[in-house]
C-alpha atoms as a PDB file:
ATOM      1  CA  MET A   1      14.768   9.504 -63.793  1.00  0.00           C
ATOM      2  CA  ALA A   2      15.302   8.764 -60.112  1.00  0.00           C
ATOM      3  CA  LEU A   3      11.998   8.127 -58.426  1.00  0.00           C
ATOM      4  CA  GLU A   4      11.416   6.138 -55.256  1.00  0.00           C
ATOM      5  CA  PRO A   5       8.948   3.213 -55.634  1.00  0.00           C
ATOM      6  CA  HIS A   6       6.763   4.601 -53.000  1.00  0.00           C
ATOM      7  CA  CYS A   7       4.287   7.433 -52.829  1.00  0.00           C
ATOM      8  CA  VAL A   8       4.600  10.568 -50.868  1.00  0.00           C
ATOM      9  CA  HIS A   9       1.599  12.092 -49.253  1.00  0.00           C
ATOM     10  CA  CYS A  10       1.665  15.729 -50.512  1.00  0.00           C
ATOM     11  CA  LYS A  11      -0.182  17.135 -47.365  1.00  0.00           C
ATOM     12  CA  LYS A  12       1.757  15.539 -44.580  1.00  0.00           C
ATOM     13  CA  GLY A  13       5.004  14.701 -46.422  1.00  0.00           C
ATOM     14  CA  HIS A  14       5.277  11.177 -44.995  1.00  0.00           C
ATOM     15  CA  LYS A  15       5.515   7.842 -46.804  1.00  0.00           C
ATOM     16  CA  PHE A  16       2.644   5.433 -46.875  1.00  0.00           C
ATOM     17  CA  ASP A  17       2.614   1.853 -48.083  1.00  0.00           C
ATOM     18  CA  SER A  18       2.055   1.796 -51.874  1.00  0.00           C
ATOM     19  CA  ASN A  19       3.584   0.140 -54.880  1.00  0.00           C
ATOM     20  CA  CYS A  20       2.319   2.624 -57.480  1.00  0.00           C
ATOM     21  CA  LEU A  21       5.642   3.589 -58.841  1.00  0.00           C
ATOM     22  CA  THR A  22       7.507   0.334 -58.650  1.00  0.00           C
ATOM     23  CA  VAL A  23       7.049   0.022 -62.453  1.00  0.00           C
ATOM     24  CA  LEU A  24       9.661   2.884 -62.784  1.00  0.00           C
ATOM     25  CA  GLN A  25      12.308   0.402 -61.685  1.00  0.00           C
ATOM     26  CA  GLN A  26      12.087  -1.020 -65.257  1.00  0.00           C
ATOM     27  CA  LYS A  27      14.157   1.173 -67.569  1.00  0.00           C
ATOM     28  CA  PRO A  28      11.861   1.189 -70.698  1.00  0.00           C
ATOM     29  CA  LYS A  29       8.816   2.155 -68.646  1.00  0.00           C
ATOM     30  CA  ALA A  30      10.811   4.852 -66.731  1.00  0.00           C
ATOM     31  CA  GLU A  31      11.864   6.335 -70.068  1.00  0.00           C
ATOM     32  CA  ALA A  32       8.307   6.348 -71.307  1.00  0.00           C
ATOM     33  CA  VAL A  33       7.222   8.303 -68.196  1.00  0.00           C
ATOM     34  CA  SER A  34      10.145  10.654 -68.501  1.00  0.00           C
ATOM     35  CA  ASN A  35       9.302  11.374 -72.147  1.00  0.00           C
ATOM     36  CA  PHE A  36       5.844  12.434 -71.134  1.00  0.00           C
ATOM     37  CA  ILE A  37       7.172  14.674 -68.367  1.00  0.00           C
ATOM     38  CA  PHE A  38       9.484  16.438 -70.764  1.00  0.00           C
ATOM     39  CA  TRP A  39       6.735  16.845 -73.273  1.00  0.00           C
ATOM     40  CA  ILE A  40       4.156  18.286 -70.871  1.00  0.00           C
ATOM     41  CA  ALA A  41       6.889  20.696 -69.362  1.00  0.00           C
ATOM     42  CA  ASN A  42       7.071  22.364 -72.751  1.00  0.00           C
ATOM     43  CA  LEU A  43       3.316  23.142 -72.782  1.00  0.00           C
ATOM     44  CA  ASP A  44       1.894  26.419 -71.459  1.00  0.00           C
ATOM     45  CA  THR A  45       0.320  26.374 -68.004  1.00  0.00           C
ATOM     46  CA  TYR A  46      -3.367  26.456 -69.391  1.00  0.00           C
ATOM     47  CA  SER A  47      -2.714  23.455 -71.604  1.00  0.00           C
ATOM     48  CA  GLN A  48      -1.183  21.524 -68.663  1.00  0.00           C
ATOM     49  CA  GLN A  49      -4.193  22.243 -66.525  1.00  0.00           C
ATOM     50  CA  LEU A  50      -6.575  21.018 -69.170  1.00  0.00           C
ATOM     51  CA  PHE A  51      -4.712  17.736 -69.427  1.00  0.00           C
ATOM     52  CA  ILE A  52      -4.721  17.188 -65.703  1.00  0.00           C
ATOM     53  CA  MET A  53      -8.366  17.930 -65.477  1.00  0.00           C
ATOM     54  CA  GLU A  54      -9.104  15.309 -68.070  1.00  0.00           C
ATOM     55  CA  ARG A  55      -7.222  12.743 -66.163  1.00  0.00           C
ATOM     56  CA  ILE A  56      -9.151  13.780 -63.057  1.00  0.00           C
ATOM     57  CA  ARG A  57     -12.469  13.153 -64.926  1.00  0.00           C
ATOM     58  CA  ALA A  58     -11.326   9.778 -66.073  1.00  0.00           C
ATOM     59  CA  CYS A  59     -10.368   8.859 -62.507  1.00  0.00           C
ATOM     60  CA  LYS A  60     -13.660  10.154 -61.174  1.00  0.00           C
ATOM     61  CA  ARG A  61     -15.565   7.969 -63.620  1.00  0.00           C
ATOM     62  CA  LEU A  62     -13.698   4.851 -62.403  1.00  0.00           C
ATOM     63  CA  VAL A  63     -14.326   5.706 -58.737  1.00  0.00           C
ATOM     64  CA  ASP A  64     -18.024   6.172 -59.468  1.00  0.00           C
ATOM     65  CA  VAL A  65     -18.178   2.794 -61.162  1.00  0.00           C
ATOM     66  CA  GLU A  66     -16.227   0.800 -58.630  1.00  0.00           C
ATOM     67  CA  ARG A  67     -17.494   2.580 -55.451  1.00  0.00           C
ATOM     68  CA  SER A  68     -14.173   2.373 -53.763  1.00  0.00           C
ATOM     69  CA  HIS A  69     -14.068   3.300 -50.076  1.00  0.00           C
ATOM     70  CA  ASN A  70     -10.289   4.130 -50.197  1.00  0.00           C
ATOM     71  CA  ILE A  71     -10.585   7.068 -52.567  1.00  0.00           C
ATOM     72  CA  THR A  72      -7.580   8.850 -51.219  1.00  0.00           C
ATOM     73  CA  HIS A  73      -5.196   6.184 -52.296  1.00  0.00           C
ATOM     74  CA  TYR A  74      -7.375   4.667 -54.977  1.00  0.00           C
ATOM     75  CA  LYS A  75      -5.356   3.748 -57.991  1.00  0.00           C
ATOM     76  CA  GLY A  76      -7.559   5.267 -60.633  1.00  0.00           C
ATOM     77  CA  TYR A  77      -5.113   7.474 -62.504  1.00  0.00           C
ATOM     78  CA  ILE A  78      -3.573   6.275 -65.735  1.00  0.00           C
ATOM     79  CA  ILE A  79       0.082   6.579 -65.466  1.00  0.00           C
ATOM     80  CA  PRO A  80       1.249   9.268 -68.070  1.00  0.00           C
ATOM     81  CA  PHE A  81       3.709   7.993 -70.669  1.00  0.00           C
ATOM     82  CA  ILE A  82       4.894   8.409 -74.192  1.00  0.00           C
ATOM     83  CA  SER A  83       6.455   5.511 -75.914  1.00  0.00           C
ATOM     84  CA  LYS A  84       7.034   4.463 -79.577  1.00  0.00           C
ATOM     85  CA  ASP A  85       7.242   0.760 -78.448  1.00  0.00           C
ATOM     86  CA  VAL A  86       3.789  -0.871 -79.059  1.00  0.00           C
ATOM     87  CA  GLU A  87       4.394  -3.543 -76.497  1.00  0.00           C
ATOM     88  CA  ILE A  88       5.511  -1.074 -73.830  1.00  0.00           C
ATOM     89  CA  GLY A  89       2.401   1.049 -74.613  1.00  0.00           C
ATOM     90  CA  LYS A  90       0.047  -1.894 -74.169  1.00  0.00           C
ATOM     91  CA  GLU A  91       1.475  -2.608 -70.759  1.00  0.00           C
ATOM     92  CA  MET A  92       1.513   1.012 -69.649  1.00  0.00           C
ATOM     93  CA  LYS A  93      -2.161   1.506 -70.552  1.00  0.00           C
ATOM     94  CA  GLU A  94      -3.058  -1.094 -67.918  1.00  0.00           C
ATOM     95  CA  ILE A  95      -1.083   0.617 -65.118  1.00  0.00           C
ATOM     96  CA  ARG A  96      -3.020   2.626 -62.624  1.00  0.00           C
ATOM     97  CA  ILE A  97      -1.540   4.860 -59.915  1.00  0.00           C
ATOM     98  CA  CYS A  98      -3.109   6.772 -57.005  1.00  0.00           C
ATOM     99  CA  LYS A  99      -3.631  10.495 -56.784  1.00  0.00           C
ATOM    100  CA  HIS A 100      -0.464  11.159 -54.860  1.00  0.00           C
ATOM    101  CA  SER A 101       1.721   9.272 -57.252  1.00  0.00           C
ATOM    102  CA  PHE A 102       0.092  11.146 -60.016  1.00  0.00           C
ATOM    103  CA  MET A 103       0.803  14.496 -58.303  1.00  0.00           C
ATOM    104  CA  ARG A 104       4.387  13.437 -57.657  1.00  0.00           C
ATOM    105  CA  LEU A 105       5.161  12.542 -61.189  1.00  0.00           C
ATOM    106  CA  LEU A 106       3.738  15.772 -62.615  1.00  0.00           C
ATOM    107  CA  ARG A 107       5.022  18.022 -59.732  1.00  0.00           C
ATOM    108  CA  ILE A 108       1.541  19.221 -58.769  1.00  0.00           C
ATOM    109  CA  GLY A 109       1.004  20.799 -55.503  1.00  0.00           C
ATOM    110  CA  GLU A 110      -1.853  20.212 -53.128  1.00  0.00           C
ATOM    111  CA  LYS A 111      -3.534  23.526 -53.730  1.00  0.00           C
ATOM    112  CA  SER A 112      -3.294  23.312 -57.580  1.00  0.00           C
ATOM    113  CA  MET A 113      -4.705  19.773 -57.467  1.00  0.00           C
ATOM    114  CA  ARG A 114      -7.573  20.714 -55.302  1.00  0.00           C
ATOM    115  CA  SER A 115      -8.350  23.713 -57.451  1.00  0.00           C
ATOM    116  CA  LEU A 116      -8.414  21.656 -60.624  1.00  0.00           C
ATOM    117  CA  GLN A 117     -10.579  19.006 -58.931  1.00  0.00           C
ATOM    118  CA  ASN A 118     -13.126  21.832 -57.912  1.00  0.00           C
ATOM    119  CA  HIS A 119     -13.161  22.882 -61.623  1.00  0.00           C
ATOM    120  CA  VAL A 120     -13.974  19.255 -62.612  1.00  0.00           C
ATOM    121  CA  TYR A 121     -16.738  18.863 -60.140  1.00  0.00           C
ATOM    122  CA  ASP A 122     -18.273  22.306 -60.915  1.00  0.00           C
ATOM    123  CA  GLY A 123     -17.977  21.926 -64.556  1.00  0.00           C
ATOM    124  CA  THR A 124     -15.840  25.028 -65.053  1.00  0.00           C
ATOM    125  CA  THR A 125     -12.370  25.676 -66.529  1.00  0.00           C
ATOM    126  CA  PRO A 126      -9.475  27.726 -65.023  1.00  0.00           C
ATOM    127  CA  GLN A 127      -9.037  31.204 -66.205  1.00  0.00           C
ATOM    128  CA  ARG A 128      -6.420  31.576 -68.808  1.00  0.00           C
ATOM    129  CA  LYS A 129      -3.772  34.064 -67.792  1.00  0.00           C
ATOM    130  CA  ILE A 130      -2.267  36.231 -70.526  1.00  0.00           C
ATOM    131  CA  ASN A 131       1.091  37.604 -69.780  1.00  0.00           C
ATOM    132  CA  ASN A 132       1.282  41.093 -71.113  1.00  0.00           C
ATOM    133  CA  LEU A 133       4.563  41.989 -69.569  1.00  0.00           C
ATOM    134  CA  GLU A 134       7.315  42.737 -72.083  1.00  0.00           C
ATOM    135  CA  PRO A 135      10.504  40.748 -71.708  1.00  0.00           C
ATOM    136  CA  TYR A 136      13.417  42.575 -70.079  1.00  0.00           C
ATOM    137  CA  TRP A 137      15.807  42.150 -72.881  1.00  0.00           C
ATOM    138  CA  ARG A 138      13.295  43.559 -75.513  1.00  0.00           C
ATOM    139  CA  LYS A 139      12.518  46.503 -73.303  1.00  0.00           C
ATOM    140  CA  ARG A 140      16.216  47.160 -72.779  1.00  0.00           C
ATOM    141  CA  TYR A 141      16.792  46.870 -76.578  1.00  0.00           C
ATOM    142  CA  LYS A 142      14.029  49.354 -77.365  1.00  0.00           C
ATOM    143  CA  GLU A 143      15.003  51.919 -74.710  1.00  0.00           C
ATOM    144  CA  VAL A 144      18.823  51.624 -74.573  1.00  0.00           C
ATOM    145  CA  ILE A 145      20.218  50.035 -77.749  1.00  0.00           C
ATOM    146  CA  LYS A 146      17.934  50.904 -80.530  1.00  0.00           C
ATOM    147  CA  PRO A 147      17.653  54.811 -80.232  1.00  0.00           C
ATOM    148  CA  PRO A 148      21.475  55.368 -80.575  1.00  0.00           C
ATOM    149  CA  LEU A 149      21.557  52.952 -83.502  1.00  0.00           C
ATOM    150  CA  ASP A 150      18.794  54.970 -85.312  1.00  0.00           C
ATOM    151  CA  ALA A 151      20.559  58.148 -84.737  1.00  0.00           C
ATOM    152  CA  PHE A 152      23.834  56.711 -85.989  1.00  0.00           C
ATOM    153  CA  PHE A 153      22.270  55.486 -89.230  1.00  0.00           C
ATOM    154  CA  GLU A 154      20.299  58.665 -89.857  1.00  0.00           C
ATOM    155  CA  GLU A 155      22.958  61.208 -88.960  1.00  0.00           C
ATOM    156  CA  SER A 156      26.206  59.427 -90.001  1.00  0.00           C
ATOM    157  CA  LEU A 157      25.437  56.873 -92.667  1.00  0.00           C
ATOM    158  CA  TYR A 158      22.630  58.034 -94.903  1.00  0.00           C
ATOM    159  CA  PRO A 159      24.202  61.558 -95.457  1.00  0.00           C
ATOM    160  CA  SER A 160      27.347  59.839 -96.907  1.00  0.00           C
ATOM    161  CA  ALA A 161      25.348  57.297 -98.977  1.00  0.00           C
ATOM    162  CA  LYS A 162      24.265  57.847-102.499  1.00  0.00           C
ATOM    163  CA  LYS A 163      21.124  56.805-104.259  1.00  0.00           C
ATOM    164  CA  HIS A 164      21.202  53.708-106.417  1.00  0.00           C
ATOM    165  CA  PRO A 165      21.072  54.732-110.185  1.00  0.00           C
ATOM    166  CA  LYS A 166      18.224  52.363-110.950  1.00  0.00           C
ATOM    167  CA  HIS A 167      16.343  52.090-107.668  1.00  0.00           C
ATOM    168  CA  SER A 168      15.546  55.374-106.041  1.00  0.00           C
ATOM    169  CA  ASP A 169      14.635  53.797-102.639  1.00  0.00           C
ATOM    170  CA  VAL A 170      18.017  52.032-102.335  1.00  0.00           C
ATOM    171  CA  HIS A 171      21.051  53.795-100.857  1.00  0.00           C
ATOM    172  CA  GLU A 172      24.648  52.683-101.294  1.00  0.00           C
ATOM    173  CA  LEU A 173      27.785  53.390 -99.266  1.00  0.00           C
ATOM    174  CA  ASP A 174      31.107  53.744-101.032  1.00  0.00           C
ATOM    175  CA  SER A 175      32.979  50.479-101.852  1.00  0.00           C
ATOM    176  CA  ASP A 176      35.796  51.536 -99.399  1.00  0.00           C
ATOM    177  CA  TRP A 177      33.219  50.779 -96.597  1.00  0.00           C
ATOM    178  CA  SER A 178      32.294  47.317 -95.282  1.00  0.00           C
ATOM    179  CA  LYS A 179      29.883  46.358 -92.551  1.00  0.00           C
ATOM    180  CA  ARG A 180      32.757  45.651 -90.249  1.00  0.00           C
ATOM    181  CA  LYS A 181      34.070  49.145 -90.772  1.00  0.00           C
ATOM    182  CA  VAL A 182      30.610  50.667 -90.135  1.00  0.00           C
ATOM    183  CA  TYR A 183      30.370  48.650 -86.831  1.00  0.00           C
ATOM    184  CA  GLY A 184      33.801  49.974 -85.868  1.00  0.00           C
ATOM    185  CA  TYR A 185      32.750  53.496 -86.676  1.00  0.00           C
ATOM    186  CA  TYR A 186      29.525  53.094 -84.705  1.00  0.00           C
ATOM    187  CA  CYS A 187      31.466  51.824 -81.699  1.00  0.00           C
ATOM    188  CA  GLU A 188      33.894  54.722 -81.952  1.00  0.00           C
ATOM    189  CA  THR A 189      31.005  57.320 -81.978  1.00  0.00           C
ATOM    190  CA  MET A 190      29.748  55.571 -78.774  1.00  0.00           C
ATOM    191  CA  GLY A 191      33.131  55.906 -76.994  1.00  0.00           C
ATOM    192  CA  TYR A 192      34.682  52.520 -77.725  1.00  0.00           C
ATOM    193  CA  GLU A 193      37.308  51.158 -80.111  1.00  0.00           C
ATOM    194  CA  VAL A 194      37.177  47.617 -81.601  1.00  0.00           C
ATOM    195  CA  LEU A 195      40.154  45.414 -81.100  1.00  0.00           C
ATOM    196  CA  THR A 196      40.566  42.067 -82.861  1.00  0.00           C
ATOM    197  CA  ASP A 197      43.003  39.185 -82.270  1.00  0.00           C
ATOM    198  CA  SER A 198      44.575  36.712 -84.717  1.00  0.00           C
ATOM    199  CA  SER A 199      41.533  34.414 -84.475  1.00  0.00           C
ATOM    200  CA  GLY A 200      39.093  37.083 -85.426  1.00  0.00           C
ATOM    201  CA  ARG A 201      37.569  37.566 -82.036  1.00  0.00           C
ATOM    202  CA  THR A 202      36.671  41.192 -81.293  1.00  0.00           C
ATOM    203  CA  THR A 203      36.663  43.097 -77.950  1.00  0.00           C
ATOM    204  CA  LEU A 204      35.611  46.610 -77.072  1.00  0.00           C
ATOM    205  CA  GLU A 205      37.873  48.934 -75.138  1.00  0.00           C
ATOM    206  CA  PRO A 206      36.805  52.422 -73.946  1.00  0.00           C
ATOM    207  CA  ILE A 207      38.508  55.250 -75.632  1.00  0.00           C
ATOM    208  CA  LYS A 208      40.571  57.347 -73.358  1.00  0.00           C
ATOM    209  CA  ASP A 209      39.706  61.084 -73.065  1.00  0.00           C
ATOM    210  CA  TYR A 210      36.449  60.385 -75.019  1.00  0.00           C
ATOM    211  CA  ASN A 211      34.798  63.722 -75.868  1.00  0.00           C
ATOM    212  CA  GLY A 212      31.879  62.760 -77.874  1.00  0.00           C
ATOM    213  CA  GLY A 213      29.742  65.443 -76.244  1.00  0.00           C
ATOM    214  CA  THR A 214      27.836  62.916 -74.124  1.00  0.00           C
ATOM    215  CA  GLU A 215      28.685  59.943 -71.870  1.00  0.00           C
ATOM    216  CA  ARG A 216      29.626  56.663 -73.215  1.00  0.00           C
ATOM    217  CA  GLN A 217      26.482  54.679 -74.207  1.00  0.00           C
ATOM    218  CA  GLU A 218      26.036  50.996 -74.323  1.00  0.00           C
ATOM    219  CA  VAL A 219      26.797  49.394 -77.730  1.00  0.00           C
ATOM    220  CA  CYS A 220      25.271  46.217 -79.138  1.00  0.00           C
ATOM    221  CA  SER A 221      27.237  43.261 -80.202  1.00  0.00           C
ATOM    222  CA  TRP A 222      28.367  42.588 -83.833  1.00  0.00           C
ATOM    223  CA  THR A 223      25.652  39.941 -84.348  1.00  0.00           C
ATOM    224  CA  SER A 224      22.945  42.296 -82.962  1.00  0.00           C
ATOM    225  CA  PHE A 225      24.292  45.028 -85.234  1.00  0.00           C
ATOM    226  CA  LEU A 226      23.895  42.912 -88.347  1.00  0.00           C
ATOM    227  CA  ARG A 227      20.386  41.942 -87.340  1.00  0.00           C
ATOM    228  CA  TYR A 228      19.349  45.491 -86.782  1.00  0.00           C
ATOM    229  CA  TRP A 229      20.868  46.561 -90.129  1.00  0.00           C
ATOM    230  CA  ALA A 230      19.024  43.703 -91.967  1.00  0.00           C
ATOM    231  CA  LYS A 231      15.653  44.522 -90.317  1.00  0.00           C
ATOM    232  CA  GLU A 232      15.626  48.294 -90.052  1.00  0.00           C
ATOM    233  CA  HIS A 233      17.691  49.281 -93.044  1.00  0.00           C
ATOM    234  CA  PRO A 234      17.443  46.467 -95.694  1.00  0.00           C
ATOM    235  CA  LYS A 235      17.887  48.973 -98.513  1.00  0.00           C
ATOM    236  CA  LEU A 236      21.098  50.548 -97.346  1.00  0.00           C
ATOM    237  CA  LEU A 237      23.750  48.629 -99.111  1.00  0.00           C
ATOM    238  CA  VAL A 238      27.550  48.647 -99.559  1.00  0.00           C
ATOM    239  CA  SER A 239      28.787  49.096-103.139  1.00  0.00           C
ATOM    240  CA  SER A 240      30.654  46.330-104.657  1.00  0.00           C
ATOM    241  CA  LYS A 241      34.420  46.903-105.189  1.00  0.00           C
ATOM    242  CA  PRO A 242      35.474  47.400-108.843  1.00  0.00           C
ATOM    243  CA  MET A 243      36.776  44.333-110.604  1.00  0.00           C
ATOM    244  CA  ALA A 244      40.537  44.076-110.784  1.00  0.00           C
ATOM    245  CA  ALA A 245      42.508  43.051-113.918  1.00  0.00           C
ATOM    246  CA  GLY A 246      42.517  39.464-112.965  1.00  0.00           C
ATOM    247  CA  GLY A 247      38.750  39.230-112.736  1.00  0.00           C
ATOM    248  CA  SER A 248      38.756  39.377-108.935  1.00  0.00           C
ATOM    249  CA  ASN A 249      37.699  42.101-106.571  1.00  0.00           C
ATOM    250  CA  ASN A 250      40.983  41.689-104.713  1.00  0.00           C
ATOM    251  CA  SER A 251      43.752  40.142-106.880  1.00  0.00           C
ATOM    252  CA  ILE A 252      46.436  40.898-104.355  1.00  0.00           C
ATOM    253  CA  GLY A 253      44.798  38.975-101.541  1.00  0.00           C
ATOM    254  CA  SER A 254      42.980  39.653 -98.304  1.00  0.00           C
ATOM    255  CA  VAL A 255      44.512  42.602 -96.498  1.00  0.00           C
ATOM    256  CA  ARG A 256      43.263  41.351 -93.192  1.00  0.00           C
ATOM    257  CA  GLU A 257      44.715  37.898 -93.806  1.00  0.00           C
ATOM    258  CA  LYS A 258      48.038  39.381 -94.592  1.00  0.00           C
ATOM    259  CA  LYS A 259      48.011  41.439 -91.433  1.00  0.00           C
ATOM    260  CA  ARG A 260      47.233  38.278 -89.379  1.00  0.00           C
ATOM    261  CA  LYS A 261      50.124  36.417 -91.020  1.00  0.00           C
ATOM    262  CA  ALA A 262      52.505  39.248 -90.452  1.00  0.00           C
ATOM    263  CA  ALA A 263      51.526  39.632 -86.826  1.00  0.00           C
ATOM    264  CA  LYS A 264      52.045  35.884 -86.291  1.00  0.00           C
ATOM    265  CA  MET A 265      55.561  36.126 -87.640  1.00  0.00           C
ATOM    266  CA  GLU A 266      56.416  39.105 -85.544  1.00  0.00           C
ATOM    267  CA  GLY A 267      54.853  37.740 -82.242  1.00  0.00           C
ATOM    268  CA  GLY A 268      55.785  34.131 -82.669  1.00  0.00           C
ATOM    269  CA  GLY A 269      52.285  33.049 -83.609  1.00  0.00           C
ATOM    270  CA  GLY A 270      50.692  34.302 -80.366  1.00  0.00           C
ATOM    271  CA  PRO A 271      47.566  36.377 -80.346  1.00  0.00           C
ATOM    272  CA  TYR A 272      47.680  40.032 -81.116  1.00  0.00           C
ATOM    273  CA  LEU A 273      45.412  43.081 -80.904  1.00  0.00           C
ATOM    274  CA  SER A 274      45.133  45.687 -83.489  1.00  0.00           C
ATOM    275  CA  LYS A 275      42.802  48.424 -83.950  1.00  0.00           C
ATOM    276  CA  MET A 276      40.320  48.051 -86.809  1.00  0.00           C
ATOM    277  CA  PRO A 277      40.467  50.657 -89.502  1.00  0.00           C
ATOM    278  CA  PHE A 278      37.508  52.975 -89.643  1.00  0.00           C
ATOM    279  CA  ASN A 279      38.308  55.045 -92.712  1.00  0.00           C
END
């Protein structure tokens, strides 16, 4: 953490003679201070304000006891730190810094500091702000991504699924389906085709002359599709494939793997794109 060994007056922005931060030239102590800065940065604003107010109260008590005339640059603030080293902790507890060094370390502006000081002197606490705004990505998911997914599952998947023989609330798709195929079918109904290369990476390409009755809609990613399925339709399953003679669901081998090997032989091992089967 690169910090100058001098203080900066937050109001005027000029340097004044002080040695408050010279301790940061020692690497163990600088790391202890940086650990604290990272820790407090992860707290919410209200918790940060309460901590700073507690340090202001502690400094005020010291000022009242010692009756210092130079209160502006009075070294009454305990330098903030977090350290697992006991010896470093003992040394850091004895270090005091002035208000402007304290503000510089915790990136506190003049107005914020004055407001917190007024709360301390008046015996009040800052008002806790509650953010009721919905994140943009969640709003976009609810308004743009989720409605077409709901319609696809209700209109395209559930009619072709059959009820489980033992559990009436569970529906099963035919064993010819897979979640990859369902995702490809979903993208196709939205106006896109799924292409995959030899490494298994997928891309979406717009279907030419798409006539799905409506304009192309935005589709979700493969990962988001799986999360939606697991959360919204946990009882919609894909039937297991019947066991082959060798005791395996696919004794001949993976069809997809065979296609990849064949494409590598034809193209000299380079990447290829092939349309995923939907039916």
